[in-house]
Amino acid sequence: MIADLECVVLDCPDPAELAAFYQALLGGTVDRPDKRWSLDDDWSTLHTPSGLVLAFQRAADHRPPRWPDPAHPQQFHLDLRVADLDAAEEHVLARGAAKLAGDPAEPGWRVFADPAGHPFCLLRHSSDPEDA
């Protein structure tokens, strides 16, 4: 091993808005003071209860990916495990997510875009990895 993951950084048009969106999904603290970086209008963070840090960086010319269009690649996506897919879908839509066209309508997962257009999946929680 030569590195540790410090945080995942997402480019977006409004860092504070996207940090609040992911806080509503994951919990945690938005813009907690941290000596590793400074916070301003162009940079926001979310320290999640699990210890993962998401950071949100303003990109003035942000162009969201289009899922599953290879001409506009995802760049990355997050998989979020939930206990109740229907309730989680209702929650993310109420917070500003959009269900993506081409969602596979599989019983175990659904595909959305956050308010800045980044794709993410909600996955049915299972105690058995074979069922995930």
Protein backbone atom coordinates (compact mmCIF):
# COMPACT_ATOMS: atom_id res chain seq x y z
CA MET A 1 0.00 0.00 0.00
CA ILE A 2 1.34 3.43 -0.90
CA ALA A 3 -1.63 5.64 -0.05
CA ASP A 4 -4.75 6.06 2.10
CA LEU A 5 -7.96 7.47 0.72
CA GLU A 6 -8.37 10.91 2.29
CA CYS A 7 -11.65 11.93 0.69
CA VAL A 8 -13.68 11.72 -2.48
CA VAL A 9 -14.01 15.07 -4.28
CA LEU A 10 -16.96 15.86 -6.54
CA ASP A 11 -16.92 18.81 -8.93
CA CYS A 12 -20.20 20.71 -8.91
CA PRO A 13 -21.72 24.15 -9.46
CA ASP A 14 -22.75 24.69 -5.80
CA PRO A 15 -20.60 22.98 -3.12
CA ALA A 16 -22.80 23.89 -0.14
CA GLU A 17 -25.96 22.62 -1.85
CA LEU A 18 -24.38 19.29 -2.78
CA ALA A 19 -22.89 18.84 0.71
CA ALA A 20 -26.38 19.36 2.20
CA PHE A 21 -27.85 16.84 -0.26
CA TYR A 22 -25.39 14.11 0.75
CA GLN A 23 -25.76 14.99 4.45
CA ALA A 24 -29.50 14.30 4.12
CA LEU A 25 -28.68 10.86 2.68
CA LEU A 26 -25.68 9.85 4.80
CA GLY A 27 -25.80 11.96 7.97
CA GLY A 28 -22.67 13.59 9.30
CA THR A 29 -21.35 17.10 9.61
CA VAL A 30 -21.09 19.64 6.81
CA ASP A 31 -18.02 21.89 6.85
CA ARG A 32 -16.54 20.57 10.08
CA PRO A 33 -13.25 22.39 10.74
CA ASP A 34 -10.39 20.20 9.53
CA LYS A 35 -6.72 21.18 9.30
CA ARG A 36 -6.36 19.32 5.98
CA TRP A 37 -8.21 21.99 4.00
CA SER A 38 -9.85 25.39 4.22
CA LEU A 39 -13.55 25.94 3.68
CA ASP A 40 -14.99 28.69 1.50
CA ASP A 41 -17.64 29.29 -1.16
CA ASP A 42 -15.70 27.06 -3.56
CA TRP A 43 -15.10 24.09 -1.20
CA SER A 44 -17.40 22.26 1.18
CA THR A 45 -17.01 18.96 3.02
CA LEU A 46 -19.12 16.26 4.63
CA HIS A 47 -17.63 14.13 7.42
CA THR A 48 -19.87 11.06 7.49
CA PRO A 49 -20.58 8.94 10.59
CA SER A 50 -18.56 6.07 9.03
CA GLY A 51 -15.46 8.28 8.81
CA LEU A 52 -15.57 8.79 5.04
CA VAL A 53 -15.13 12.39 3.94
CA LEU A 54 -16.79 13.70 0.81
CA ALA A 55 -15.59 17.04 -0.53
CA PHE A 56 -17.39 19.27 -3.01
CA GLN A 57 -15.42 21.62 -5.25
CA ARG A 58 -16.93 24.42 -7.33
CA ALA A 59 -16.42 23.93 -11.05
CA ALA A 60 -17.65 27.01 -12.87
CA ASP A 61 -18.09 25.12 -16.14
CA HIS A 62 -19.41 21.90 -14.59
CA ARG A 63 -20.89 19.57 -17.19
CA PRO A 64 -22.68 16.63 -15.55
CA PRO A 65 -22.15 13.12 -16.81
CA ARG A 66 -25.02 11.35 -18.55
CA TRP A 67 -25.74 7.79 -17.50
CA PRO A 68 -25.31 5.42 -19.31
CA ASP A 69 -24.10 7.50 -22.29
CA PRO A 70 -20.44 6.62 -23.04
CA ALA A 71 -20.07 9.94 -24.89
CA HIS A 72 -20.55 11.65 -21.50
CA PRO A 73 -18.97 9.15 -19.08
CA GLN A 74 -19.96 8.80 -15.43
CA GLN A 75 -16.44 9.65 -14.23
CA PHE A 76 -17.40 7.83 -11.02
CA HIS A 77 -20.50 6.93 -9.05
CA LEU A 78 -21.40 6.09 -5.48
CA ASP A 79 -23.21 2.94 -4.36
CA LEU A 80 -25.33 3.57 -1.27
CA ARG A 81 -26.80 0.59 0.59
CA VAL A 82 -30.31 1.12 2.02
CA ALA A 83 -32.77 -0.98 4.00
CA ASP A 84 -35.90 0.05 2.04
CA LEU A 85 -35.50 0.96 -1.64
CA ASP A 86 -38.94 2.55 -1.98
CA ALA A 87 -38.52 4.75 1.08
CA ALA A 88 -34.97 5.67 0.04
CA GLU A 89 -36.13 6.58 -3.47
CA GLU A 90 -38.83 8.84 -2.05
CA HIS A 91 -36.26 10.47 0.24
CA VAL A 92 -33.63 11.17 -2.44
CA LEU A 93 -36.23 12.50 -4.88
CA ALA A 94 -37.58 14.85 -2.20
CA ARG A 95 -34.01 16.10 -1.62
CA GLY A 96 -33.48 16.99 -5.29
CA ALA A 97 -32.22 13.78 -6.90
CA ALA A 98 -33.52 12.69 -10.29
CA LYS A 99 -34.19 9.12 -11.35
CA LEU A 100 -32.13 8.47 -14.45
CA ALA A 101 -33.50 7.29 -17.76
CA GLY A 102 -32.16 3.84 -18.45
CA ASP A 103 -32.51 2.80 -14.81
CA PRO A 104 -32.43 -1.00 -15.00
CA ALA A 105 -35.53 -1.41 -12.79
CA GLU A 106 -33.79 -4.32 -11.10
CA PRO A 107 -35.33 -5.42 -7.81
CA GLY A 108 -32.10 -4.81 -5.89
CA TRP A 109 -30.96 -1.38 -7.09
CA ARG A 110 -31.95 1.94 -8.66
CA VAL A 111 -29.98 4.69 -10.40
CA PHE A 112 -30.30 8.42 -9.70
CA ALA A 113 -28.42 11.67 -10.26
CA ASP A 114 -27.63 14.07 -7.45
CA PRO A 115 -28.55 17.77 -7.91
CA ALA A 116 -25.26 18.39 -9.79
CA GLY A 117 -25.84 15.43 -12.14
CA HIS A 118 -23.50 12.82 -10.59
CA PRO A 119 -24.93 9.31 -10.86
CA PHE A 120 -25.41 7.23 -7.74
CA CYS A 121 -27.08 3.91 -7.03
CA LEU A 122 -29.31 2.87 -4.15
CA LEU A 123 -28.74 -0.80 -3.35
CA ARG A 124 -31.03 -3.01 -1.30
CA HIS A 125 -29.35 -3.80 2.02
CA SER A 126 -28.78 -7.43 2.70
CA SER A 127 -26.93 -9.23 5.46
CA ASP A 128 -25.98 -11.86 2.90
CA PRO A 129 -23.36 -10.60 0.37
CA GLU A 130 -24.76 -13.08 -2.17
CA ASP A 131 -28.06 -11.17 -2.13
CA ALA A 132 -26.52 -7.72 -2.63
